[in-house]
Amino acid sequence: MEHSDAALMTGVSEGQYNFFCQGTRSGGEADVKIIRVLWWYYFSKLIEFMDTFFFILRKNSHQITVLHVYHRASMLNIWWFLMNWVPCGHSYFGATLNSFIHIHMYSYYGLSSVPSMRPYLWGKKYITQG
């Protein structure tokens, strides 16, 4: 489950975040909430990276592409940097955007696993192209 939508709601609904200019490490309560949610988001990136190892264990290596490995590895490194150096401010925006993309992607994959739904799914080339 993606948790960054909670970060967006926490930051925006409490009026603590500004869309144009936001400092980092101010130490306020909203920052603490954002940091907690972003750590869960970082943990979800680790779980997603394990997906590659499951492909290998299932001998499904045709699904492992350079883009797949690059994306999973770079997300871990980028979010490690963000969580250790700038864990507040606008850090939540990227996590929120990525979460919405993953919601659409995994919804498509879930629906495509139901045989009766496959004829109604038209966006495969948009979801799966790299």
Protein backbone atom coordinates (compact mmCIF):
# COMPACT_ATOMS: atom_id res chain seq x y z
CA MET A 1 0.00 0.00 0.00
CA GLU A 2 1.27 3.41 -0.87
CA HIS A 3 1.31 5.89 2.03
CA SER A 4 2.26 9.15 0.38
CA ASP A 5 -1.35 10.19 -0.13
CA ALA A 6 -1.49 10.49 3.67
CA ALA A 7 1.58 12.74 3.50
CA LEU A 8 -0.14 15.02 1.03
CA MET A 9 -3.28 15.17 3.14
CA THR A 10 -1.29 15.83 6.32
CA GLY A 11 0.77 18.60 4.77
CA VAL A 12 -1.96 20.37 2.89
CA SER A 13 -4.93 19.92 5.23
CA GLU A 14 -3.11 21.24 8.26
CA GLY A 15 -2.00 24.33 6.35
CA GLN A 16 1.63 23.74 7.22
CA TYR A 17 2.93 23.36 3.69
CA ASN A 18 3.26 25.88 0.94
CA PHE A 19 3.21 24.83 -2.72
CA PHE A 20 5.72 27.50 -3.75
CA CYS A 21 8.34 27.74 -1.03
CA GLN A 22 8.87 25.36 1.86
CA GLY A 23 11.91 25.05 4.07
CA THR A 24 13.32 21.78 5.29
CA ARG A 25 13.83 20.49 8.80
CA SER A 26 11.77 23.12 10.53
CA GLY A 27 11.00 20.63 13.30
CA GLY A 28 7.28 21.27 13.37
CA GLU A 29 4.65 18.61 14.03
CA ALA A 30 3.63 18.54 10.34
CA ASP A 31 7.25 17.75 9.41
CA VAL A 32 7.33 14.86 11.87
CA LYS A 33 4.14 13.41 10.34
CA ILE A 34 5.52 13.80 6.82
CA ILE A 35 8.77 12.10 7.79
CA ARG A 36 6.93 9.13 9.34
CA VAL A 37 4.85 8.62 6.21
CA LEU A 38 7.87 9.02 3.91
CA TRP A 39 9.76 6.34 5.83
CA TRP A 40 6.89 3.95 5.09
CA TYR A 41 7.07 5.03 1.47
CA TYR A 42 10.82 4.29 1.43
CA PHE A 43 10.12 0.86 2.91
CA SER A 44 7.59 0.22 0.11
CA LYS A 45 10.37 0.92 -2.44
CA LEU A 46 12.45 -1.82 -0.79
CA ILE A 47 9.54 -4.24 -1.10
CA GLU A 48 9.13 -3.30 -4.77
CA PHE A 49 12.82 -3.93 -5.36
CA MET A 50 12.32 -7.46 -4.02
CA ASP A 51 9.98 -7.98 -6.98
CA THR A 52 13.09 -8.46 -9.14
CA PHE A 53 14.28 -11.32 -6.95
CA PHE A 54 10.86 -12.97 -7.14
CA PHE A 55 11.13 -12.85 -10.94
CA ILE A 56 14.51 -14.59 -10.71
CA LEU A 57 13.23 -17.24 -8.29
CA ARG A 58 10.26 -17.96 -10.58
CA LYS A 59 12.65 -18.16 -13.55
CA ASN A 60 10.72 -15.34 -15.17
CA SER A 61 13.75 -13.39 -16.30
CA HIS A 62 12.07 -12.15 -19.51
CA GLN A 63 10.27 -9.61 -17.30
CA ILE A 64 13.54 -8.22 -15.96
CA THR A 65 14.57 -5.38 -18.23
CA VAL A 66 17.29 -2.79 -17.89
CA LEU A 67 14.56 -0.20 -17.25
CA HIS A 68 13.03 -2.35 -14.49
CA VAL A 69 16.34 -2.84 -12.65
CA TYR A 70 17.39 0.79 -13.18
CA HIS A 71 14.08 2.13 -11.90
CA ARG A 72 13.99 -0.10 -8.81
CA ALA A 73 17.62 0.54 -7.89
CA SER A 74 17.50 4.27 -8.55
CA MET A 75 14.31 4.71 -6.51
CA LEU A 76 15.97 3.06 -3.51
CA ASN A 77 19.01 5.31 -3.80
CA ILE A 78 17.07 8.51 -4.46
CA TRP A 79 14.72 7.95 -1.55
CA TRP A 80 17.56 6.96 0.77
CA PHE A 81 19.17 10.31 -0.05
CA LEU A 82 15.92 12.22 0.42
CA MET A 83 15.12 10.53 3.71
CA ASN A 84 18.57 11.21 5.13
CA TRP A 85 19.13 14.73 3.82
CA VAL A 86 15.79 16.41 3.00
CA PRO A 87 12.99 14.39 4.64
CA CYS A 88 10.47 17.22 4.66
CA GLY A 89 9.62 20.31 2.68
CA HIS A 90 8.40 19.20 -0.73
CA SER A 91 9.75 15.66 -0.46
CA TYR A 92 6.20 14.35 -0.22
CA PHE A 93 5.22 15.59 -3.69
CA GLY A 94 7.32 13.02 -5.61
CA ALA A 95 6.10 10.22 -3.38
CA THR A 96 2.49 11.26 -3.93
CA LEU A 97 2.88 11.45 -7.71
CA ASN A 98 4.63 8.07 -7.81
CA SER A 99 1.91 6.54 -5.64
CA PHE A 100 -0.86 7.69 -7.98
CA ILE A 101 1.01 6.18 -10.92
CA HIS A 102 1.40 2.89 -9.04
CA ILE A 103 -2.30 2.87 -8.11
CA HIS A 104 -3.24 3.05 -11.80
CA MET A 105 -0.62 0.50 -12.83
CA TYR A 106 -1.48 -2.10 -10.19
CA SER A 107 -5.22 -1.57 -10.71
CA TYR A 108 -4.71 -2.41 -14.38
CA TYR A 109 -2.64 -5.50 -13.50
CA GLY A 110 -5.24 -6.63 -10.99
CA LEU A 111 -8.11 -6.21 -13.45
CA SER A 112 -6.15 -7.95 -16.21
CA SER A 113 -5.83 -11.04 -14.00
CA VAL A 114 -9.62 -11.48 -14.25
CA PRO A 115 -10.28 -13.16 -17.63
CA SER A 116 -13.76 -11.64 -18.05
CA MET A 117 -12.30 -8.12 -17.67
CA ARG A 118 -9.57 -8.44 -20.32
CA PRO A 119 -11.76 -7.45 -23.31
CA TYR A 120 -12.61 -4.16 -21.59
CA LEU A 121 -9.03 -3.12 -20.83
CA TRP A 122 -7.77 -0.87 -23.58
CA GLY A 123 -4.73 0.87 -22.06
CA LYS A 124 -2.12 -1.89 -22.04
CA LYS A 125 0.29 -0.11 -24.40
CA TYR A 126 0.14 3.02 -22.22
CA ILE A 127 0.63 1.18 -18.92
CA THR A 128 3.34 -1.26 -19.99
CA GLN A 129 5.48 0.70 -22.43
CA GLY A 130 8.93 1.61 -21.08
